[in-house]
């Protein structure tokens, strides 16, 4: 459980930093080739904000005790996250390259929450793993 918690914080923190760097480079049009902006309007906002919110939530969720409220909030946040990834994947040429890396946060959050729920309902397992 503690390993998953640390891994979730690490992925959330590094994901936030890398995603912020990628957004900054894209906004400044730094990179090879002419500046291209394949996403515009509302999908662009979701593509930028969705992963950022998801990564911040991963850090916050790993620092807090899992609860039903955090589960509902996590489902809502990761729904926005997935919609943002969908827009990146479908509206850009290289979106399929970043999708597996961006999906790591939600996958770890699901594993963390399931692990926390299992230790909540099986107290003997919680004492054996520590």
Foldseek 3Di string as FASTA:
>chain_A
DLVLLVVLLVLLVVQLVVLVVVVVCLVVVDDPDDNDDQDDDPLVVLLNVLLNLLSVLSNVVSVDQDDPVSVVVNVVSVVSNVSNLVSQLPRDPCSVVCSVSSCVNVVSVVVVNVVSVVCVVPVVVVVVVD
